Amino acid sequence: MNLYNIRLFVDVMQSGNFASAARLHNIDPSSVSRSISNLEADLGFRLFKRSTRKIVPTEAGSVYYDKVEKLVDAFDQAGEQAMDLISKPMGVLRITAVSYT
């Protein structure tokens, strides 16, 4: 299962449509639709009821969202915390100064 597809799913749920999620990721809406279809194939159930005018999450899609949203947030926070550790200066700082007395 692809984490990127799961993240796209979360973004679609939060934004309410494929086009808004596509803008967030700077990709085509058709790519979002394809990613969601791939995720649905991996999971074995439909996440959305699609029509020409709107998408509505299925009951299974809503339950799945409730669980994975927290996991995606935790995954993002873990990455940010790790980046904070490596971006802080580390090691010994030696300073030499001249005294004019």
PDB file of N, CA and C in Angstrom:
ATOM      1  N   MET A   1       0.848  -1.171   0.000  1.00  0.00           N
ATOM      2  CA  MET A   1       0.000   0.000   0.000  1.00  0.00           C
ATOM      3  C   MET A   1       0.900   1.242   0.000  1.00  0.00           C
ATOM      4  N   ASN A   2       0.530   2.223  -0.787  1.00  0.00           N
ATOM      5  CA  ASN A   2       1.334   3.404  -1.015  1.00  0.00           C
ATOM      6  C   ASN A   2       0.899   4.533  -0.070  1.00  0.00           C
ATOM      7  N   LEU A   3       1.840   5.041   0.721  1.00  0.00           N
ATOM      8  CA  LEU A   3       1.528   6.119   1.666  1.00  0.00           C
ATOM      9  C   LEU A   3       1.076   7.381   0.935  1.00  0.00           C
ATOM     10  N   TYR A   4       1.642   7.647  -0.225  1.00  0.00           N
ATOM     11  CA  TYR A   4       1.248   8.829  -1.001  1.00  0.00           C
ATOM     12  C   TYR A   4      -0.233   8.750  -1.374  1.00  0.00           C
ATOM     13  N   ASN A   5      -0.703   7.566  -1.785  1.00  0.00           N
ATOM     14  CA  ASN A   5      -2.117   7.397  -2.125  1.00  0.00           C
ATOM     15  C   ASN A   5      -2.999   7.620  -0.906  1.00  0.00           C
ATOM     16  N   ILE A   6      -2.548   7.164   0.244  1.00  0.00           N
ATOM     17  CA  ILE A   6      -3.305   7.372   1.483  1.00  0.00           C
ATOM     18  C   ILE A   6      -3.359   8.856   1.818  1.00  0.00           C
ATOM     19  N   ARG A   7      -2.228   9.541   1.652  1.00  0.00           N
ATOM     20  CA  ARG A   7      -2.192  10.983   1.914  1.00  0.00           C
ATOM     21  C   ARG A   7      -3.136  11.719   0.957  1.00  0.00           C
ATOM     22  N   LEU A   8      -3.155  11.323  -0.318  1.00  0.00           N
ATOM     23  CA  LEU A   8      -4.088  11.921  -1.268  1.00  0.00           C
ATOM     24  C   LEU A   8      -5.531  11.690  -0.839  1.00  0.00           C
ATOM     25  N   PHE A   9      -5.824  10.487  -0.375  1.00  0.00           N
ATOM     26  CA  PHE A   9      -7.169  10.177   0.111  1.00  0.00           C
ATOM     27  C   PHE A   9      -7.557  11.116   1.254  1.00  0.00           C
ATOM     28  N   VAL A  10      -6.668  11.308   2.200  1.00  0.00           N
ATOM     29  CA  VAL A  10      -6.934  12.209   3.332  1.00  0.00           C
ATOM     30  C   VAL A  10      -7.182  13.627   2.822  1.00  0.00           C
ATOM     31  N   ASP A  11      -6.377  14.067   1.867  1.00  0.00           N
ATOM     32  CA  ASP A  11      -6.557  15.412   1.318  1.00  0.00           C
ATOM     33  C   ASP A  11      -7.883  15.549   0.566  1.00  0.00           C
ATOM     34  N   VAL A  12      -8.295  14.515  -0.154  1.00  0.00           N
ATOM     35  CA  VAL A  12      -9.590  14.545  -0.838  1.00  0.00           C
ATOM     36  C   VAL A  12     -10.714  14.628   0.191  1.00  0.00           C
ATOM     37  N   MET A  13     -10.619  13.851   1.229  1.00  0.00           N
ATOM     38  CA  MET A  13     -11.657  13.891   2.273  1.00  0.00           C
ATOM     39  C   MET A  13     -11.723  15.274   2.914  1.00  0.00           C
ATOM     40  N   GLN A  14     -10.581  15.887   3.161  1.00  0.00           N
ATOM     41  CA  GLN A  14     -10.565  17.189   3.827  1.00  0.00           C
ATOM     42  C   GLN A  14     -11.020  18.317   2.902  1.00  0.00           C
ATOM     43  N   SER A  15     -10.671  18.211   1.623  1.00  0.00           N
ATOM     44  CA  SER A  15     -11.032  19.278   0.684  1.00  0.00           C
ATOM     45  C   SER A  15     -12.394  19.061   0.039  1.00  0.00           C
ATOM     46  N   GLY A  16     -12.846  17.815  -0.013  1.00  0.00           N
ATOM     47  CA  GLY A  16     -14.166  17.532  -0.557  1.00  0.00           C
ATOM     48  C   GLY A  16     -14.209  17.190  -2.028  1.00  0.00           C
ATOM     49  N   ASN A  17     -13.073  17.329  -2.734  1.00  0.00           N
ATOM     50  CA  ASN A  17     -13.062  16.960  -4.152  1.00  0.00           C
ATOM     51  C   ASN A  17     -11.647  16.678  -4.645  1.00  0.00           C
ATOM     52  N   PHE A  18     -11.588  16.044  -5.804  1.00  0.00           N
ATOM     53  CA  PHE A  18     -10.299  15.662  -6.380  1.00  0.00           C
ATOM     54  C   PHE A  18      -9.507  16.882  -6.853  1.00  0.00           C
ATOM     55  N   ALA A  19     -10.199  17.879  -7.393  1.00  0.00           N
ATOM     56  CA  ALA A  19      -9.511  19.047  -7.944  1.00  0.00           C
ATOM     57  C   ALA A  19      -8.740  19.816  -6.868  1.00  0.00           C
ATOM     58  N   SER A  20      -9.341  19.998  -5.710  1.00  0.00           N
ATOM     59  CA  SER A  20      -8.657  20.722  -4.626  1.00  0.00           C
ATOM     60  C   SER A  20      -7.441  19.946  -4.129  1.00  0.00           C
ATOM     61  N   ALA A  21      -7.596  18.647  -3.983  1.00  0.00           N
ATOM     62  CA  ALA A  21      -6.463  17.815  -3.562  1.00  0.00           C
ATOM     63  C   ALA A  21      -5.362  17.844  -4.616  1.00  0.00           C
ATOM     64  N   ALA A  22      -5.753  17.870  -5.888  1.00  0.00           N
ATOM     65  CA  ALA A  22      -4.770  17.928  -6.973  1.00  0.00           C
ATOM     66  C   ALA A  22      -3.980  19.231  -6.907  1.00  0.00           C
ATOM     67  N   ARG A  23      -4.660  20.342  -6.630  1.00  0.00           N
ATOM     68  CA  ARG A  23      -3.965  21.633  -6.506  1.00  0.00           C
ATOM     69  C   ARG A  23      -2.966  21.619  -5.350  1.00  0.00           C
ATOM     70  N   LEU A  24      -3.333  20.978  -4.244  1.00  0.00           N
ATOM     71  CA  LEU A  24      -2.417  20.888  -3.099  1.00  0.00           C
ATOM     72  C   LEU A  24      -1.117  20.190  -3.470  1.00  0.00           C
ATOM     73  N   HIS A  25      -1.226  19.185  -4.352  1.00  0.00           N
ATOM     74  CA  HIS A  25      -0.063  18.377  -4.724  1.00  0.00           C
ATOM     75  C   HIS A  25       0.519  18.767  -6.078  1.00  0.00           C
ATOM     76  N   ASN A  26      -0.074  19.788  -6.696  1.00  0.00           N
ATOM     77  CA  ASN A  26       0.380  20.273  -7.997  1.00  0.00           C
ATOM     78  C   ASN A  26       0.379  19.159  -9.050  1.00  0.00           C
ATOM     79  N   ILE A  27      -0.716  18.417  -9.095  1.00  0.00           N
ATOM     80  CA  ILE A  27      -0.890  17.345 -10.072  1.00  0.00           C
ATOM     81  C   ILE A  27      -2.262  17.471 -10.713  1.00  0.00           C
ATOM     82  N   ASP A  28      -2.514  16.689 -11.757  1.00  0.00           N
ATOM     83  CA  ASP A  28      -3.806  16.689 -12.426  1.00  0.00           C
ATOM     84  C   ASP A  28      -4.851  15.961 -11.582  1.00  0.00           C
ATOM     85  N   PRO A  29      -6.110  16.418 -11.634  1.00  0.00           N
ATOM     86  CA  PRO A  29      -7.181  15.689 -10.930  1.00  0.00           C
ATOM     87  C   PRO A  29      -7.301  14.233 -11.382  1.00  0.00           C
ATOM     88  N   SER A  30      -6.990  13.964 -12.636  1.00  0.00           N
ATOM     89  CA  SER A  30      -7.052  12.576 -13.110  1.00  0.00           C
ATOM     90  C   SER A  30      -6.020  11.702 -12.399  1.00  0.00           C
ATOM     91  N   SER A  31      -4.892  12.291 -12.021  1.00  0.00           N
ATOM     92  CA  SER A  31      -3.875  11.540 -11.262  1.00  0.00           C
ATOM     93  C   SER A  31      -4.377  11.218  -9.861  1.00  0.00           C
ATOM     94  N   VAL A  32      -5.108  12.151  -9.279  1.00  0.00           N
ATOM     95  CA  VAL A  32      -5.692  11.910  -7.957  1.00  0.00           C
ATOM     96  C   VAL A  32      -6.717  10.785  -8.055  1.00  0.00           C
ATOM     97  N   SER A  33      -7.566  10.853  -9.066  1.00  0.00           N
ATOM     98  CA  SER A  33      -8.582   9.819  -9.264  1.00  0.00           C
ATOM     99  C   SER A  33      -7.933   8.448  -9.456  1.00  0.00           C
ATOM    100  N   ARG A  34      -6.874   8.407 -10.231  1.00  0.00           N
ATOM    101  CA  ARG A  34      -6.166   7.145 -10.463  1.00  0.00           C
ATOM    102  C   ARG A  34      -5.547   6.613  -9.172  1.00  0.00           C
ATOM    103  N   SER A  35      -4.960   7.501  -8.390  1.00  0.00           N
ATOM    104  CA  SER A  35      -4.360   7.094  -7.114  1.00  0.00           C
ATOM    105  C   SER A  35      -5.408   6.557  -6.149  1.00  0.00           C
ATOM    106  N   ILE A  36      -6.567   7.219  -6.103  1.00  0.00           N
ATOM    107  CA  ILE A  36      -7.654   6.750  -5.238  1.00  0.00           C
ATOM    108  C   ILE A  36      -8.142   5.384  -5.718  1.00  0.00           C
ATOM    109  N   SER A  37      -8.266   5.204  -7.027  1.00  0.00           N
ATOM    110  CA  SER A  37      -8.674   3.908  -7.574  1.00  0.00           C
ATOM    111  C   SER A  37      -7.669   2.821  -7.224  1.00  0.00           C
ATOM    112  N   ASN A  38      -6.372   3.153  -7.285  1.00  0.00           N
ATOM    113  CA  ASN A  38      -5.335   2.189  -6.906  1.00  0.00           C
ATOM    114  C   ASN A  38      -5.434   1.829  -5.423  1.00  0.00           C
ATOM    115  N   LEU A  39      -5.698   2.835  -4.592  1.00  0.00           N
ATOM    116  CA  LEU A  39      -5.852   2.579  -3.160  1.00  0.00           C
ATOM    117  C   LEU A  39      -7.069   1.693  -2.906  1.00  0.00           C
ATOM    118  N   GLU A  40      -8.166   1.979  -3.602  1.00  0.00           N
ATOM    119  CA  GLU A  40      -9.367   1.153  -3.459  1.00  0.00           C
ATOM    120  C   GLU A  40      -9.088  -0.293  -3.885  1.00  0.00           C
ATOM    121  N   ALA A  41      -8.312  -0.463  -4.940  1.00  0.00           N
ATOM    122  CA  ALA A  41      -7.959  -1.814  -5.395  1.00  0.00           C
ATOM    123  C   ALA A  41      -7.106  -2.525  -4.342  1.00  0.00           C
ATOM    124  N   ASP A  42      -6.170  -1.805  -3.737  1.00  0.00           N
ATOM    125  CA  ASP A  42      -5.331  -2.389  -2.680  1.00  0.00           C
ATOM    126  C   ASP A  42      -6.174  -2.791  -1.473  1.00  0.00           C
ATOM    127  N   LEU A  43      -7.128  -1.937  -1.108  1.00  0.00           N
ATOM    128  CA  LEU A  43      -7.942  -2.184   0.080  1.00  0.00           C
ATOM    129  C   LEU A  43      -9.037  -3.222  -0.164  1.00  0.00           C
ATOM    130  N   GLY A  44      -9.530  -3.258  -1.377  1.00  0.00           N
ATOM    131  CA  GLY A  44     -10.610  -4.195  -1.695  1.00  0.00           C
ATOM    132  C   GLY A  44     -11.998  -3.647  -1.420  1.00  0.00           C
ATOM    133  N   PHE A  45     -12.129  -2.339  -1.234  1.00  0.00           N
ATOM    134  CA  PHE A  45     -13.446  -1.718  -1.066  1.00  0.00           C
ATOM    135  C   PHE A  45     -13.420  -0.295  -1.593  1.00  0.00           C
ATOM    136  N   ARG A  46     -14.592   0.238  -1.897  1.00  0.00           N
ATOM    137  CA  ARG A  46     -14.732   1.589  -2.436  1.00  0.00           C
ATOM    138  C   ARG A  46     -14.653   2.612  -1.308  1.00  0.00           C
ATOM    139  N   LEU A  47     -13.947   3.687  -1.575  1.00  0.00           N
ATOM    140  CA  LEU A  47     -13.828   4.774  -0.608  1.00  0.00           C
ATOM    141  C   LEU A  47     -14.847   5.884  -0.876  1.00  0.00           C
ATOM    142  N   PHE A  48     -15.227   6.049  -2.146  1.00  0.00           N
ATOM    143  CA  PHE A  48     -16.146   7.115  -2.541  1.00  0.00           C
ATOM    144  C   PHE A  48     -17.226   6.586  -3.466  1.00  0.00           C
ATOM    145  N   LYS A  49     -18.400   7.222  -3.381  1.00  0.00           N
ATOM    146  CA  LYS A  49     -19.441   7.064  -4.395  1.00  0.00           C
ATOM    147  C   LYS A  49     -19.234   8.243  -5.341  1.00  0.00           C
ATOM    148  N   ARG A  50     -18.952   7.951  -6.595  1.00  0.00           N
ATOM    149  CA  ARG A  50     -18.657   9.004  -7.560  1.00  0.00           C
ATOM    150  C   ARG A  50     -19.841   9.237  -8.483  1.00  0.00           C
ATOM    151  N   SER A  51     -20.097  10.504  -8.769  1.00  0.00           N
ATOM    152  CA  SER A  51     -21.045  10.879  -9.810  1.00  0.00           C
ATOM    153  C   SER A  51     -20.369  11.962 -10.644  1.00  0.00           C
ATOM    154  N   THR A  52     -21.028  12.413 -11.681  1.00  0.00           N
ATOM    155  CA  THR A  52     -20.426  13.457 -12.517  1.00  0.00           C
ATOM    156  C   THR A  52     -20.356  14.796 -11.788  1.00  0.00           C
ATOM    157  N   ARG A  53     -21.156  14.958 -10.769  1.00  0.00           N
ATOM    158  CA  ARG A  53     -21.207  16.239 -10.072  1.00  0.00           C
ATOM    159  C   ARG A  53     -20.466  16.279  -8.734  1.00  0.00           C
ATOM    160  N   LYS A  54     -20.388  15.146  -8.051  1.00  0.00           N
ATOM    161  CA  LYS A  54     -19.754  15.166  -6.734  1.00  0.00           C
ATOM    162  C   LYS A  54     -19.271  13.780  -6.336  1.00  0.00           C
ATOM    163  N   ILE A  55     -18.472  13.776  -5.299  1.00  0.00           N
ATOM    164  CA  ILE A  55     -18.043  12.517  -4.687  1.00  0.00           C
ATOM    165  C   ILE A  55     -18.510  12.528  -3.237  1.00  0.00           C
ATOM    166  N   VAL A  56     -18.919  11.386  -2.770  1.00  0.00           N
ATOM    167  CA  VAL A  56     -19.395  11.233  -1.391  1.00  0.00           C
ATOM    168  C   VAL A  56     -18.679  10.023  -0.804  1.00  0.00           C
ATOM    169  N   PRO A  57     -18.103  10.162   0.388  1.00  0.00           N
ATOM    170  CA  PRO A  57     -17.444   8.994   0.969  1.00  0.00           C
ATOM    171  C   PRO A  57     -18.440   7.885   1.298  1.00  0.00           C
ATOM    172  N   THR A  58     -18.017   6.663   1.078  1.00  0.00           N
ATOM    173  CA  THR A  58     -18.826   5.523   1.501  1.00  0.00           C
ATOM    174  C   THR A  58     -18.695   5.392   3.019  1.00  0.00           C
ATOM    175  N   GLU A  59     -19.494   4.554   3.604  1.00  0.00           N
ATOM    176  CA  GLU A  59     -19.379   4.315   5.045  1.00  0.00           C
ATOM    177  C   GLU A  59     -17.993   3.762   5.370  1.00  0.00           C
ATOM    178  N   ALA A  60     -17.529   2.825   4.554  1.00  0.00           N
ATOM    179  CA  ALA A  60     -16.189   2.260   4.757  1.00  0.00           C
ATOM    180  C   ALA A  60     -15.121   3.330   4.575  1.00  0.00           C
ATOM    181  N   GLY A  61     -15.324   4.232   3.602  1.00  0.00           N
ATOM    182  CA  GLY A  61     -14.378   5.324   3.376  1.00  0.00           C
ATOM    183  C   GLY A  61     -14.291   6.262   4.566  1.00  0.00           C
ATOM    184  N   SER A  62     -15.436   6.552   5.181  1.00  0.00           N
ATOM    185  CA  SER A  62     -15.455   7.423   6.363  1.00  0.00           C
ATOM    186  C   SER A  62     -14.741   6.780   7.546  1.00  0.00           C
ATOM    187  N   VAL A  63     -14.982   5.492   7.756  1.00  0.00           N
ATOM    188  CA  VAL A  63     -14.319   4.773   8.854  1.00  0.00           C
ATOM    189  C   VAL A  63     -12.812   4.716   8.609  1.00  0.00           C
ATOM    190  N   TYR A  64     -12.437   4.413   7.368  1.00  0.00           N
ATOM    191  CA  TYR A  64     -11.016   4.343   7.015  1.00  0.00           C
ATOM    192  C   TYR A  64     -10.345   5.705   7.236  1.00  0.00           C
ATOM    193  N   TYR A  65     -11.016   6.780   6.826  1.00  0.00           N
ATOM    194  CA  TYR A  65     -10.481   8.128   7.009  1.00  0.00           C
ATOM    195  C   TYR A  65     -10.249   8.449   8.482  1.00  0.00           C
ATOM    196  N   ASP A  66     -11.214   8.106   9.323  1.00  0.00           N
ATOM    197  CA  ASP A  66     -11.084   8.387  10.760  1.00  0.00           C
ATOM    198  C   ASP A  66      -9.809   7.767  11.338  1.00  0.00           C
ATOM    199  N   LYS A  67      -9.443   6.603  10.844  1.00  0.00           N
ATOM    200  CA  LYS A  67      -8.247   5.916  11.361  1.00  0.00           C
ATOM    201  C   LYS A  67      -6.962   6.424  10.714  1.00  0.00           C
ATOM    202  N   VAL A  68      -6.959   6.551   9.387  1.00  0.00           N
ATOM    203  CA  VAL A  68      -5.694   6.879   8.710  1.00  0.00           C
ATOM    204  C   VAL A  68      -5.313   8.347   8.834  1.00  0.00           C
ATOM    205  N   GLU A  69      -6.282   9.221   9.053  1.00  0.00           N
ATOM    206  CA  GLU A  69      -5.933  10.642   9.205  1.00  0.00           C
ATOM    207  C   GLU A  69      -4.956  10.818  10.361  1.00  0.00           C
ATOM    208  N   LYS A  70      -5.233  10.174  11.471  1.00  0.00           N
ATOM    209  CA  LYS A  70      -4.353  10.276  12.638  1.00  0.00           C
ATOM    210  C   LYS A  70      -2.981   9.667  12.354  1.00  0.00           C
ATOM    211  N   LEU A  71      -2.973   8.576  11.609  1.00  0.00           N
ATOM    212  CA  LEU A  71      -1.704   7.920  11.279  1.00  0.00           C
ATOM    213  C   LEU A  71      -0.857   8.782  10.345  1.00  0.00           C
ATOM    214  N   VAL A  72      -1.484   9.396   9.356  1.00  0.00           N
ATOM    215  CA  VAL A  72      -0.754  10.271   8.431  1.00  0.00           C
ATOM    216  C   VAL A  72      -0.201  11.470   9.187  1.00  0.00           C
ATOM    217  N   ASP A  73      -1.006  12.047  10.075  1.00  0.00           N
ATOM    218  CA  ASP A  73      -0.524  13.172  10.892  1.00  0.00           C
ATOM    219  C   ASP A  73       0.658  12.747  11.759  1.00  0.00           C
ATOM    220  N   ALA A  74       0.571  11.585  12.372  1.00  0.00           N
ATOM    221  CA  ALA A  74       1.664  11.085  13.218  1.00  0.00           C
ATOM    222  C   ALA A  74       2.917  10.831  12.381  1.00  0.00           C
ATOM    223  N   PHE A  75       2.736  10.300  11.189  1.00  0.00           N
ATOM    224  CA  PHE A  75       3.862  10.057  10.294  1.00  0.00           C
ATOM    225  C   PHE A  75       4.538  11.372   9.909  1.00  0.00           C
ATOM    226  N   ASP A  76       3.747  12.392   9.583  1.00  0.00           N
ATOM    227  CA  ASP A  76       4.295  13.706   9.234  1.00  0.00           C
ATOM    228  C   ASP A  76       5.027  14.330  10.414  1.00  0.00           C
ATOM    229  N   GLN A  77       4.454  14.216  11.622  1.00  0.00           N
ATOM    230  CA  GLN A  77       5.092  14.763  12.811  1.00  0.00           C
ATOM    231  C   GLN A  77       6.412  14.063  13.104  1.00  0.00           C
ATOM    232  N   ALA A  78       6.462  12.761  12.908  1.00  0.00           N
ATOM    233  CA  ALA A  78       7.704  12.013  13.128  1.00  0.00           C
ATOM    234  C   ALA A  78       8.789  12.510  12.188  1.00  0.00           C
ATOM    235  N   GLY A  79       8.433  12.747  10.950  1.00  0.00           N
ATOM    236  CA  GLY A  79       9.404  13.266   9.982  1.00  0.00           C
ATOM    237  C   GLY A  79       9.885  14.657  10.356  1.00  0.00           C
ATOM    238  N   GLU A  80       8.962  15.509  10.799  1.00  0.00           N
ATOM    239  CA  GLU A  80       9.338  16.866  11.210  1.00  0.00           C
ATOM    240  C   GLU A  80      10.254  16.845  12.427  1.00  0.00           C
ATOM    241  N   GLN A  81       9.957  15.983  13.401  1.00  0.00           N
ATOM    242  CA  GLN A  81      10.797  15.886  14.588  1.00  0.00           C
ATOM    243  C   GLN A  81      12.191  15.384  14.239  1.00  0.00           C
ATOM    244  N   ALA A  82      12.279  14.430  13.334  1.00  0.00           N
ATOM    245  CA  ALA A  82      13.587  13.926  12.912  1.00  0.00           C
ATOM    246  C   ALA A  82      14.366  15.014  12.183  1.00  0.00           C
ATOM    247  N   MET A  83      13.686  15.793  11.345  1.00  0.00           N
ATOM    248  CA  MET A  83      14.355  16.889  10.638  1.00  0.00           C
ATOM    249  C   MET A  83      14.843  17.952  11.621  1.00  0.00           C
ATOM    250  N   ASP A  84      14.067  18.211  12.671  1.00  0.00           N
ATOM    251  CA  ASP A  84      14.490  19.179  13.683  1.00  0.00           C
ATOM    252  C   ASP A  84      15.794  18.746  14.343  1.00  0.00           C
ATOM    253  N   LEU A  85      15.944  17.458  14.582  1.00  0.00           N
ATOM    254  CA  LEU A  85      17.151  16.958  15.221  1.00  0.00           C
ATOM    255  C   LEU A  85      18.374  17.146  14.349  1.00  0.00           C
ATOM    256  N   ILE A  86      18.232  16.919  13.060  1.00  0.00           N
ATOM    257  CA  ILE A  86      19.411  17.027  12.205  1.00  0.00           C
ATOM    258  C   ILE A  86      19.677  18.452  11.754  1.00  0.00           C
ATOM    259  N   SER A  87      18.704  19.347  11.906  1.00  0.00           N
ATOM    260  CA  SER A  87      18.907  20.723  11.467  1.00  0.00           C
ATOM    261  C   SER A  87      19.483  21.611  12.567  1.00  0.00           C
ATOM    262  N   LYS A  88      19.515  21.117  13.791  1.00  0.00           N
ATOM    263  CA  LYS A  88      20.083  21.896  14.875  1.00  0.00           C
ATOM    264  C   LYS A  88      21.599  21.754  14.850  1.00  0.00           C
ATOM    265  N   PRO A  89      22.300  22.852  15.113  1.00  0.00           N
ATOM    266  CA  PRO A  89      23.766  22.750  15.173  1.00  0.00           C
ATOM    267  C   PRO A  89      24.184  21.793  16.286  1.00  0.00           C
ATOM    268  N   MET A  90      25.170  20.985  15.980  1.00  0.00           N
ATOM    269  CA  MET A  90      25.662  20.017  16.955  1.00  0.00           C
ATOM    270  C   MET A  90      27.183  20.052  16.945  1.00  0.00           C
ATOM    271  N   GLY A  91      27.757  19.633  18.027  1.00  0.00           N
ATOM    272  CA  GLY A  91      29.210  19.543  18.095  1.00  0.00           C
ATOM    273  C   GLY A  91      29.795  20.629  18.978  1.00  0.00           C
ATOM    274  N   VAL A  92      31.103  20.730  18.925  1.00  0.00           N
ATOM    275  CA  VAL A  92      31.838  21.681  19.750  1.00  0.00           C
ATOM    276  C   VAL A  92      32.078  22.946  18.947  1.00  0.00           C
ATOM    277  N   LEU A  93      31.828  24.085  19.569  1.00  0.00           N
ATOM    278  CA  LEU A  93      32.086  25.368  18.951  1.00  0.00           C
ATOM    279  C   LEU A  93      33.278  25.990  19.674  1.00  0.00           C
ATOM    280  N   ARG A  94      34.352  26.248  18.947  1.00  0.00           N
ATOM    281  CA  ARG A  94      35.536  26.861  19.535  1.00  0.00           C
ATOM    282  C   ARG A  94      35.630  28.292  19.020  1.00  0.00           C
ATOM    283  N   ILE A  95      35.851  29.198  19.956  1.00  0.00           N
ATOM    284  CA  ILE A  95      35.966  30.620  19.608  1.00  0.00           C
ATOM    285  C   ILE A  95      37.306  31.107  20.116  1.00  0.00           C
ATOM    286  N   THR A  96      38.010  31.787  19.242  1.00  0.00           N
ATOM    287  CA  THR A  96      39.286  32.402  19.620  1.00  0.00           C
ATOM    288  C   THR A  96      39.091  33.912  19.541  1.00  0.00           C
ATOM    289  N   ALA A  97      39.523  34.587  20.577  1.00  0.00           N
ATOM    290  CA  ALA A  97      39.367  36.039  20.613  1.00  0.00           C
ATOM    291  C   ALA A  97      40.686  36.666  21.021  1.00  0.00           C
ATOM    292  N   VAL A  98      40.932  37.847  20.529  1.00  0.00           N
ATOM    293  CA  VAL A  98      42.142  38.596  20.856  1.00  0.00           C
ATOM    294  C   VAL A  98      41.784  39.612  21.930  1.00  0.00           C
ATOM    295  N   SER A  99      42.649  39.710  22.929  1.00  0.00           N
ATOM    296  CA  SER A  99      42.403  40.662  24.003  1.00  0.00           C
ATOM    297  C   SER A  99      43.320  41.858  23.778  1.00  0.00           C
ATOM    298  N   TYR A 100      42.783  43.071  23.778  1.00  0.00           N
ATOM    299  CA  TYR A 100      43.546  44.306  23.626  1.00  0.00           C
ATOM    300  C   TYR A 100      43.617  45.023  24.960  1.00  0.00           C
ATOM    301  N   THR A 101      44.554  44.578  25.827  1.00  0.00           N
ATOM    302  CA  THR A 101      44.699  45.245  27.126  1.00  0.00           C
ATOM    303  C   THR A 101      46.024  45.887  27.277  1.00  0.00           C
TER     304      THR A 101
END
